[in-house]
mmCIF file of all heavy atoms, coordinates in Angstrom:
data_MODEL
# 
_entry.id   MODEL 
# 
loop_
_atom_site.group_PDB 
_atom_site.id 
_atom_site.type_symbol 
_atom_site.label_atom_id 
_atom_site.label_alt_id 
_atom_site.label_comp_id 
_atom_site.label_asym_id 
_atom_site.label_entity_id 
_atom_site.label_seq_id 
_atom_site.pdbx_PDB_ins_code 
_atom_site.Cartn_x 
_atom_site.Cartn_y 
_atom_site.Cartn_z 
_atom_site.occupancy 
_atom_site.B_iso_or_equiv 
_atom_site.pdbx_formal_charge 
_atom_site.auth_seq_id 
_atom_site.auth_comp_id 
_atom_site.auth_asym_id 
_atom_site.auth_atom_id 
_atom_site.pdbx_PDB_model_num 
ATOM 1   N N   . SER A 1 1  ? -15.566 -13.852 -0.726 1.00 0.00 ? 1  SER A N   1 
ATOM 2   C CA  . SER A 1 1  ? -16.365 -13.352 -1.824 1.00 0.00 ? 1  SER A CA  1 
ATOM 3   C C   . SER A 1 1  ? -15.401 -12.764 -2.824 1.00 0.00 ? 1  SER A C   1 
ATOM 4   O O   . SER A 1 1  ? -14.247 -12.319 -2.545 1.00 0.00 ? 1  SER A O   1 
ATOM 5   C CB  . SER A 1 1  ? -17.304 -12.320 -1.267 1.00 0.00 ? 1  SER A CB  1 
ATOM 6   O OG  . SER A 1 1  ? -16.657 -11.242 -0.658 1.00 0.00 ? 1  SER A OG  1 
ATOM 7   N N   . LEU A 1 2  ? -15.878 -12.543 -4.013 1.00 0.00 ? 2  LEU A N   1 
ATOM 8   C CA  . LEU A 1 2  ? -15.020 -12.048 -5.068 1.00 0.00 ? 2  LEU A CA  1 
ATOM 9   C C   . LEU A 1 2  ? -14.896 -10.612 -5.001 1.00 0.00 ? 2  LEU A C   1 
ATOM 10  O O   . LEU A 1 2  ? -15.824 -9.780  -4.741 1.00 0.00 ? 2  LEU A O   1 
ATOM 11  C CB  . LEU A 1 2  ? -15.679 -12.362 -6.433 1.00 0.00 ? 2  LEU A CB  1 
ATOM 12  C CG  . LEU A 1 2  ? -14.789 -12.232 -7.707 1.00 0.00 ? 2  LEU A CG  1 
ATOM 13  C CD1 . LEU A 1 2  ? -13.724 -13.259 -7.827 1.00 0.00 ? 2  LEU A CD1 1 
ATOM 14  C CD2 . LEU A 1 2  ? -15.668 -12.228 -9.019 1.00 0.00 ? 2  LEU A CD2 1 
ATOM 15  N N   . GLU A 1 3  ? -13.585 -10.117 -5.058 1.00 0.00 ? 3  GLU A N   1 
ATOM 16  C CA  . GLU A 1 3  ? -13.315 -8.705  -4.868 1.00 0.00 ? 3  GLU A CA  1 
ATOM 17  C C   . GLU A 1 3  ? -12.836 -8.025  -6.171 1.00 0.00 ? 3  GLU A C   1 
ATOM 18  O O   . GLU A 1 3  ? -12.734 -6.820  -6.232 1.00 0.00 ? 3  GLU A O   1 
ATOM 19  C CB  . GLU A 1 3  ? -12.253 -8.436  -3.842 1.00 0.00 ? 3  GLU A CB  1 
ATOM 20  C CG  . GLU A 1 3  ? -12.863 -8.665  -2.368 1.00 0.00 ? 3  GLU A CG  1 
ATOM 21  C CD  . GLU A 1 3  ? -11.857 -8.046  -1.375 1.00 0.00 ? 3  GLU A CD  1 
ATOM 22  O OE1 . GLU A 1 3  ? -10.834 -7.479  -1.805 1.00 0.00 ? 3  GLU A OE1 1 
ATOM 23  O OE2 . GLU A 1 3  ? -12.180 -8.056  -0.148 1.00 0.00 ? 3  GLU A OE2 1 
ATOM 24  N N   . SER A 1 4  ? -12.576 -8.773  -7.165 1.00 0.00 ? 4  SER A N   1 
ATOM 25  C CA  . SER A 1 4  ? -12.021 -8.230  -8.437 1.00 0.00 ? 4  SER A CA  1 
ATOM 26  C C   . SER A 1 4  ? -12.841 -7.156  -9.094 1.00 0.00 ? 4  SER A C   1 
ATOM 27  O O   . SER A 1 4  ? -12.358 -6.260  -9.707 1.00 0.00 ? 4  SER A O   1 
ATOM 28  C CB  . SER A 1 4  ? -11.689 -9.383  -9.393 1.00 0.00 ? 4  SER A CB  1 
ATOM 29  O OG  . SER A 1 4  ? -12.874 -10.033 -9.758 1.00 0.00 ? 4  SER A OG  1 
ATOM 30  N N   . ALA A 1 5  ? -14.227 -7.175  -8.854 1.00 0.00 ? 5  ALA A N   1 
ATOM 31  C CA  . ALA A 1 5  ? -15.035 -6.272  -9.369 1.00 0.00 ? 5  ALA A CA  1 
ATOM 32  C C   . ALA A 1 5  ? -15.363 -5.040  -8.515 1.00 0.00 ? 5  ALA A C   1 
ATOM 33  O O   . ALA A 1 5  ? -16.211 -4.186  -8.835 1.00 0.00 ? 5  ALA A O   1 
ATOM 34  C CB  . ALA A 1 5  ? -16.381 -6.927  -9.789 1.00 0.00 ? 5  ALA A CB  1 
ATOM 35  N N   . MET A 1 6  ? -14.715 -5.081  -7.226 1.00 0.00 ? 6  MET A N   1 
ATOM 36  C CA  . MET A 1 6  ? -15.190 -4.010  -6.333 1.00 0.00 ? 6  MET A CA  1 
ATOM 37  C C   . MET A 1 6  ? -14.430 -2.762  -6.742 1.00 0.00 ? 6  MET A C   1 
ATOM 38  O O   . MET A 1 6  ? -13.255 -2.726  -7.259 1.00 0.00 ? 6  MET A O   1 
ATOM 39  C CB  . MET A 1 6  ? -14.689 -4.435  -4.928 1.00 0.00 ? 6  MET A CB  1 
ATOM 40  C CG  . MET A 1 6  ? -15.493 -5.544  -4.348 1.00 0.00 ? 6  MET A CG  1 
ATOM 41  S SD  . MET A 1 6  ? -14.901 -6.049  -2.631 1.00 0.00 ? 6  MET A SD  1 
ATOM 42  C CE  . MET A 1 6  ? -15.233 -4.460  -1.820 1.00 0.00 ? 6  MET A CE  1 
ATOM 43  N N   . PRO A 1 7  ? -15.005 -1.571  -6.447 1.00 0.00 ? 7  PRO A N   1 
ATOM 44  C CA  . PRO A 1 7  ? -14.312 -0.303  -6.746 1.00 0.00 ? 7  PRO A CA  1 
ATOM 45  C C   . PRO A 1 7  ? -13.184 -0.139  -5.819 1.00 0.00 ? 7  PRO A C   1 
ATOM 46  O O   . PRO A 1 7  ? -13.168 -0.611  -4.655 1.00 0.00 ? 7  PRO A O   1 
ATOM 47  C CB  . PRO A 1 7  ? -15.424 0.755   -6.457 1.00 0.00 ? 7  PRO A CB  1 
ATOM 48  C CG  . PRO A 1 7  ? -16.373 0.017   -5.507 1.00 0.00 ? 7  PRO A CG  1 
ATOM 49  C CD  . PRO A 1 7  ? -16.410 -1.360  -5.969 1.00 0.00 ? 7  PRO A CD  1 
ATOM 50  N N   . ARG A 1 8  ? -12.119 0.445   -6.250 1.00 0.00 ? 8  ARG A N   1 
ATOM 51  C CA  . ARG A 1 8  ? -10.937 0.715   -5.476 1.00 0.00 ? 8  ARG A CA  1 
ATOM 52  C C   . ARG A 1 8  ? -10.702 2.146   -5.241 1.00 0.00 ? 8  ARG A C   1 
ATOM 53  O O   . ARG A 1 8  ? -10.736 2.943   -6.044 1.00 0.00 ? 8  ARG A O   1 
ATOM 54  C CB  . ARG A 1 8  ? -9.748  0.061   -6.231 1.00 0.00 ? 8  ARG A CB  1 
ATOM 55  C CG  . ARG A 1 8  ? -9.844  -1.423  -6.444 1.00 0.00 ? 8  ARG A CG  1 
ATOM 56  C CD  . ARG A 1 8  ? -8.797  -1.980  -7.400 1.00 0.00 ? 8  ARG A CD  1 
ATOM 57  N NE  . ARG A 1 8  ? -8.858  -3.394  -7.494 1.00 0.00 ? 8  ARG A NE  1 
ATOM 58  C CZ  . ARG A 1 8  ? -8.226  -4.128  -8.519 1.00 0.00 ? 8  ARG A CZ  1 
ATOM 59  N NH1 . ARG A 1 8  ? -7.388  -3.515  -9.241 1.00 0.00 ? 8  ARG A NH1 1 
ATOM 60  N NH2 . ARG A 1 8  ? -8.313  -5.416  -8.436 1.00 0.00 ? 8  ARG A NH2 1 
ATOM 61  N N   . SER A 1 9  ? -10.434 2.426   -3.939 1.00 0.00 ? 9  SER A N   1 
ATOM 62  C CA  . SER A 1 9  ? -10.264 3.828   -3.546 1.00 0.00 ? 9  SER A CA  1 
ATOM 63  C C   . SER A 1 9  ? -8.721  4.092   -3.553 1.00 0.00 ? 9  SER A C   1 
ATOM 64  O O   . SER A 1 9  ? -8.003  3.316   -3.180 1.00 0.00 ? 9  SER A O   1 
ATOM 65  C CB  . SER A 1 9  ? -10.796 4.004   -2.162 1.00 0.00 ? 9  SER A CB  1 
ATOM 66  O OG  . SER A 1 9  ? -10.305 3.140   -1.244 1.00 0.00 ? 9  SER A OG  1 
ATOM 67  N N   . PRO A 1 10 ? -8.456  5.338   -3.927 1.00 0.00 ? 10 PRO A N   1 
ATOM 68  C CA  . PRO A 1 10 ? -6.969  5.676   -4.050 1.00 0.00 ? 10 PRO A CA  1 
ATOM 69  C C   . PRO A 1 10 ? -6.379  5.732   -2.538 1.00 0.00 ? 10 PRO A C   1 
ATOM 70  O O   . PRO A 1 10 ? -7.087  5.964   -1.665 1.00 0.00 ? 10 PRO A O   1 
ATOM 71  C CB  . PRO A 1 10 ? -7.060  7.118   -4.735 1.00 0.00 ? 10 PRO A CB  1 
ATOM 72  C CG  . PRO A 1 10 ? -8.437  7.605   -4.406 1.00 0.00 ? 10 PRO A CG  1 
ATOM 73  C CD  . PRO A 1 10 ? -9.297  6.389   -4.377 1.00 0.00 ? 10 PRO A CD  1 
ATOM 74  N N   . SER A 1 11 ? -5.120  5.546   -2.536 1.00 0.00 ? 11 SER A N   1 
ATOM 75  C CA  . SER A 1 11 ? -4.371  5.605   -1.301 1.00 0.00 ? 11 SER A CA  1 
ATOM 76  C C   . SER A 1 11 ? -3.174  6.515   -1.439 1.00 0.00 ? 11 SER A C   1 
ATOM 77  O O   . SER A 1 11 ? -2.552  6.498   -2.511 1.00 0.00 ? 11 SER A O   1 
ATOM 78  C CB  . SER A 1 11 ? -3.986  4.251   -0.877 1.00 0.00 ? 11 SER A CB  1 
ATOM 79  O OG  . SER A 1 11 ? -3.217  4.233   0.360  1.00 0.00 ? 11 SER A OG  1 
ATOM 80  N N   . PRO A 1 12 ? -2.894  7.345   -0.459 1.00 0.00 ? 12 PRO A N   1 
ATOM 81  C CA  . PRO A 1 12 ? -1.681  8.165   -0.515 1.00 0.00 ? 12 PRO A CA  1 
ATOM 82  C C   . PRO A 1 12 ? -0.459  7.358   -0.808 1.00 0.00 ? 12 PRO A C   1 
ATOM 83  O O   . PRO A 1 12 ? -0.271  6.212   -0.527 1.00 0.00 ? 12 PRO A O   1 
ATOM 84  C CB  . PRO A 1 12 ? -1.630  8.838   0.798  1.00 0.00 ? 12 PRO A CB  1 
ATOM 85  C CG  . PRO A 1 12 ? -3.005  8.682   1.475  1.00 0.00 ? 12 PRO A CG  1 
ATOM 86  C CD  . PRO A 1 12 ? -3.556  7.440   0.887  1.00 0.00 ? 12 PRO A CD  1 
ATOM 87  N N   . THR A 1 13 ? 0.498   8.012   -1.491 1.00 0.00 ? 13 THR A N   1 
ATOM 88  C CA  . THR A 1 13 ? 1.727   7.271   -1.831 1.00 0.00 ? 13 THR A CA  1 
ATOM 89  C C   . THR A 1 13 ? 2.490   7.002   -0.662 1.00 0.00 ? 13 THR A C   1 
ATOM 90  O O   . THR A 1 13 ? 2.735   7.754   0.280  1.00 0.00 ? 13 THR A O   1 
ATOM 91  C CB  . THR A 1 13 ? 2.622   8.206   -2.795 1.00 0.00 ? 13 THR A CB  1 
ATOM 92  O OG1 . THR A 1 13 ? 1.789   8.565   -3.921 1.00 0.00 ? 13 THR A OG1 1 
ATOM 93  C CG2 . THR A 1 13 ? 3.909   7.467   -3.135 1.00 0.00 ? 13 THR A CG2 1 
ATOM 94  N N   . VAL A 1 14 ? 2.950   5.722   -0.538 1.00 0.00 ? 14 VAL A N   1 
ATOM 95  C CA  . VAL A 1 14 ? 3.611   5.213   0.609  1.00 0.00 ? 14 VAL A CA  1 
ATOM 96  C C   . VAL A 1 14 ? 5.067   5.604   0.481  1.00 0.00 ? 14 VAL A C   1 
ATOM 97  O O   . VAL A 1 14 ? 5.747   5.393   -0.566 1.00 0.00 ? 14 VAL A O   1 
ATOM 98  C CB  . VAL A 1 14 ? 3.519   3.651   0.705  1.00 0.00 ? 14 VAL A CB  1 
ATOM 99  C CG1 . VAL A 1 14 ? 4.430   3.112   1.843  1.00 0.00 ? 14 VAL A CG1 1 
ATOM 100 C CG2 . VAL A 1 14 ? 2.134   3.204   0.882  1.00 0.00 ? 14 VAL A CG2 1 
ATOM 101 N N   . GLU A 1 15 ? 5.695   6.048   1.526  1.00 0.00 ? 15 GLU A N   1 
ATOM 102 C CA  . GLU A 1 15 ? 7.115   6.532   1.486  1.00 0.00 ? 15 GLU A CA  1 
ATOM 103 C C   . GLU A 1 15 ? 7.983   5.301   1.746  1.00 0.00 ? 15 GLU A C   1 
ATOM 104 O O   . GLU A 1 15 ? 8.269   4.961   2.867  1.00 0.00 ? 15 GLU A O   1 
ATOM 105 C CB  . GLU A 1 15 ? 7.353   7.558   2.621  1.00 0.00 ? 15 GLU A CB  1 
ATOM 106 C CG  . GLU A 1 15 ? 6.538   8.895   2.445  1.00 0.00 ? 15 GLU A CG  1 
ATOM 107 C CD  . GLU A 1 15 ? 6.847   9.861   3.562  1.00 0.00 ? 15 GLU A CD  1 
ATOM 108 O OE1 . GLU A 1 15 ? 8.000   9.902   4.025  1.00 0.00 ? 15 GLU A OE1 1 
ATOM 109 O OE2 . GLU A 1 15 ? 5.891   10.498  4.018  1.00 0.00 ? 15 GLU A OE2 1 
ATOM 110 N N   . LEU A 1 16 ? 8.363   4.691   0.676  1.00 0.00 ? 16 LEU A N   1 
ATOM 111 C CA  . LEU A 1 16 ? 9.073   3.398   0.753  1.00 0.00 ? 16 LEU A CA  1 
ATOM 112 C C   . LEU A 1 16 ? 10.412  3.497   1.457  1.00 0.00 ? 16 LEU A C   1 
ATOM 113 O O   . LEU A 1 16 ? 10.787  2.585   2.317  1.00 0.00 ? 16 LEU A O   1 
ATOM 114 C CB  . LEU A 1 16 ? 9.175   2.786   -0.591 1.00 0.00 ? 16 LEU A CB  1 
ATOM 115 C CG  . LEU A 1 16 ? 7.902   2.339   -1.264 1.00 0.00 ? 16 LEU A CG  1 
ATOM 116 C CD1 . LEU A 1 16 ? 8.179   1.867   -2.656 1.00 0.00 ? 16 LEU A CD1 1 
ATOM 117 C CD2 . LEU A 1 16 ? 7.203   1.336   -0.430 1.00 0.00 ? 16 LEU A CD2 1 
ATOM 118 N N   . PRO A 1 17 ? 11.317  4.518   1.185  1.00 0.00 ? 17 PRO A N   1 
ATOM 119 C CA  . PRO A 1 17 ? 12.530  4.560   1.890  1.00 0.00 ? 17 PRO A CA  1 
ATOM 120 C C   . PRO A 1 17 ? 12.425  4.558   3.441  1.00 0.00 ? 17 PRO A C   1 
ATOM 121 O O   . PRO A 1 17 ? 13.079  3.907   4.179  1.00 0.00 ? 17 PRO A O   1 
ATOM 122 C CB  . PRO A 1 17 ? 13.192  5.762   1.344  1.00 0.00 ? 17 PRO A CB  1 
ATOM 123 C CG  . PRO A 1 17 ? 12.588  6.004   0.067  1.00 0.00 ? 17 PRO A CG  1 
ATOM 124 C CD  . PRO A 1 17 ? 11.143  5.614   0.189  1.00 0.00 ? 17 PRO A CD  1 
ATOM 125 N N   . ARG A 1 18 ? 11.442  5.398   3.834  1.00 0.00 ? 18 ARG A N   1 
ATOM 126 C CA  . ARG A 1 18 ? 11.251  5.497   5.265  1.00 0.00 ? 18 ARG A CA  1 
ATOM 127 C C   . ARG A 1 18 ? 10.804  4.176   5.893  1.00 0.00 ? 18 ARG A C   1 
ATOM 128 O O   . ARG A 1 18 ? 11.115  3.740   6.973  1.00 0.00 ? 18 ARG A O   1 
ATOM 129 C CB  . ARG A 1 18 ? 10.230  6.675   5.572  1.00 0.00 ? 18 ARG A CB  1 
ATOM 130 C CG  . ARG A 1 18 ? 9.995   6.926   7.035  1.00 0.00 ? 18 ARG A CG  1 
ATOM 131 C CD  . ARG A 1 18 ? 9.034   8.088   7.168  1.00 0.00 ? 18 ARG A CD  1 
ATOM 132 N NE  . ARG A 1 18 ? 8.612   8.167   8.569  1.00 0.00 ? 18 ARG A NE  1 
ATOM 133 C CZ  . ARG A 1 18 ? 7.413   8.558   8.937  1.00 0.00 ? 18 ARG A CZ  1 
ATOM 134 N NH1 . ARG A 1 18 ? 6.475   8.873   8.045  1.00 0.00 ? 18 ARG A NH1 1 
ATOM 135 N NH2 . ARG A 1 18 ? 7.048   8.639   10.246 1.00 0.00 ? 18 ARG A NH2 1 
ATOM 136 N N   . LEU A 1 19 ? 9.919   3.603   5.120  1.00 0.00 ? 19 LEU A N   1 
ATOM 137 C CA  . LEU A 1 19 ? 9.352   2.270   5.537  1.00 0.00 ? 19 LEU A CA  1 
ATOM 138 C C   . LEU A 1 19 ? 10.460  1.186   5.652  1.00 0.00 ? 19 LEU A C   1 
ATOM 139 O O   . LEU A 1 19 ? 10.530  0.432   6.584  1.00 0.00 ? 19 LEU A O   1 
ATOM 140 C CB  . LEU A 1 19 ? 8.265   1.781   4.640  1.00 0.00 ? 19 LEU A CB  1 
ATOM 141 C CG  . LEU A 1 19 ? 7.243   0.698   5.107  1.00 0.00 ? 19 LEU A CG  1 
ATOM 142 C CD1 . LEU A 1 19 ? 6.573   1.102   6.334  1.00 0.00 ? 19 LEU A CD1 1 
ATOM 143 C CD2 . LEU A 1 19 ? 6.238   0.431   3.964  1.00 0.00 ? 19 LEU A CD2 1 
ATOM 144 N N   . ARG A 1 20 ? 11.235  1.189   4.694  1.00 0.00 ? 20 ARG A N   1 
ATOM 145 C CA  . ARG A 1 20 ? 12.413  0.156   4.648  1.00 0.00 ? 20 ARG A CA  1 
ATOM 146 C C   . ARG A 1 20 ? 13.315  0.436   5.784  1.00 0.00 ? 20 ARG A C   1 
ATOM 147 O O   . ARG A 1 20 ? 13.866  -0.491  6.460  1.00 0.00 ? 20 ARG A O   1 
ATOM 148 C CB  . ARG A 1 20 ? 13.157  0.212   3.259  1.00 0.00 ? 20 ARG A CB  1 
ATOM 149 C CG  . ARG A 1 20 ? 12.347  -0.327  2.142  1.00 0.00 ? 20 ARG A CG  1 
ATOM 150 C CD  . ARG A 1 20 ? 13.269  -0.666  0.905  1.00 0.00 ? 20 ARG A CD  1 
ATOM 151 N NE  . ARG A 1 20 ? 12.607  -1.324  -0.151 1.00 0.00 ? 20 ARG A NE  1 
ATOM 152 C CZ  . ARG A 1 20 ? 12.083  -0.755  -1.167 1.00 0.00 ? 20 ARG A CZ  1 
ATOM 153 N NH1 . ARG A 1 20 ? 12.123  0.586   -1.367 1.00 0.00 ? 20 ARG A NH1 1 
ATOM 154 N NH2 . ARG A 1 20 ? 11.428  -1.509  -2.070 1.00 0.00 ? 20 ARG A NH2 1 
ATOM 155 N N   . ALA A 1 21 ? 13.609  1.733   6.094  1.00 0.00 ? 21 ALA A N   1 
ATOM 156 C CA  . ALA A 1 21 ? 14.454  1.956   7.189  1.00 0.00 ? 21 ALA A CA  1 
ATOM 157 C C   . ALA A 1 21 ? 13.920  1.517   8.555  1.00 0.00 ? 21 ALA A C   1 
ATOM 158 O O   . ALA A 1 21 ? 14.670  1.080   9.445  1.00 0.00 ? 21 ALA A O   1 
ATOM 159 C CB  . ALA A 1 21 ? 14.753  3.512   7.229  1.00 0.00 ? 21 ALA A CB  1 
ATOM 160 N N   . ALA A 1 22 ? 12.533  1.521   8.622  1.00 0.00 ? 22 ALA A N   1 
ATOM 161 C CA  . ALA A 1 22 ? 11.913  1.291   9.881  1.00 0.00 ? 22 ALA A CA  1 
ATOM 162 C C   . ALA A 1 22 ? 12.003  -0.197  10.249 1.00 0.00 ? 22 ALA A C   1 
ATOM 163 O O   . ALA A 1 22 ? 11.945  -0.727  11.357 1.00 0.00 ? 22 ALA A O   1 
ATOM 164 C CB  . ALA A 1 22 ? 10.524  1.746   9.966  1.00 0.00 ? 22 ALA A CB  1 
ATOM 165 N N   . VAL A 1 23 ? 12.111  -1.082  9.163  1.00 0.00 ? 23 VAL A N   1 
ATOM 166 C CA  . VAL A 1 23 ? 11.965  -2.495  9.324  1.00 0.00 ? 23 VAL A CA  1 
ATOM 167 C C   . VAL A 1 23 ? 13.119  -3.252  8.751  1.00 0.00 ? 23 VAL A C   1 
ATOM 168 O O   . VAL A 1 23 ? 13.088  -4.416  8.306  1.00 0.00 ? 23 VAL A O   1 
ATOM 169 C CB  . VAL A 1 23 ? 10.633  -3.099  8.759  1.00 0.00 ? 23 VAL A CB  1 
ATOM 170 C CG1 . VAL A 1 23 ? 9.479   -2.586  9.441  1.00 0.00 ? 23 VAL A CG1 1 
ATOM 171 C CG2 . VAL A 1 23 ? 10.583  -2.774  7.291  1.00 0.00 ? 23 VAL A CG2 1 
ATOM 172 N N   . ASP A 1 24 ? 14.298  -2.610  8.680  1.00 0.00 ? 24 ASP A N   1 
ATOM 173 C CA  . ASP A 1 24 ? 15.564  -3.237  8.243  1.00 0.00 ? 24 ASP A CA  1 
ATOM 174 C C   . ASP A 1 24 ? 15.378  -3.787  6.845  1.00 0.00 ? 24 ASP A C   1 
ATOM 175 O O   . ASP A 1 24 ? 15.862  -4.849  6.414  1.00 0.00 ? 24 ASP A O   1 
ATOM 176 C CB  . ASP A 1 24 ? 15.993  -4.370  9.184  1.00 0.00 ? 24 ASP A CB  1 
ATOM 177 C CG  . ASP A 1 24 ? 16.287  -3.839  10.521 1.00 0.00 ? 24 ASP A CG  1 
ATOM 178 O OD1 . ASP A 1 24 ? 16.696  -2.653  10.658 1.00 0.00 ? 24 ASP A OD1 1 
ATOM 179 O OD2 . ASP A 1 24 ? 16.221  -4.610  11.530 1.00 0.00 ? 24 ASP A OD2 1 
ATOM 180 N N   . GLY A 1 25 ? 14.603  -3.083  5.971  1.00 0.00 ? 25 GLY A N   1 
ATOM 181 C CA  . GLY A 1 25 ? 14.513  -3.482  4.539  1.00 0.00 ? 25 GLY A CA  1 
ATOM 182 C C   . GLY A 1 25 ? 13.509  -4.599  4.255  1.00 0.00 ? 25 GLY A C   1 
ATOM 183 O O   . GLY A 1 25 ? 13.473  -5.008  3.123  1.00 0.00 ? 25 GLY A O   1 
# 
């Protein structure tokens, strides 16, 4: 089904450096 018109809920900011370190970049 089409999602482009669905409301989008905010998400907390992802800690990218920590994430990259966990999965070898």
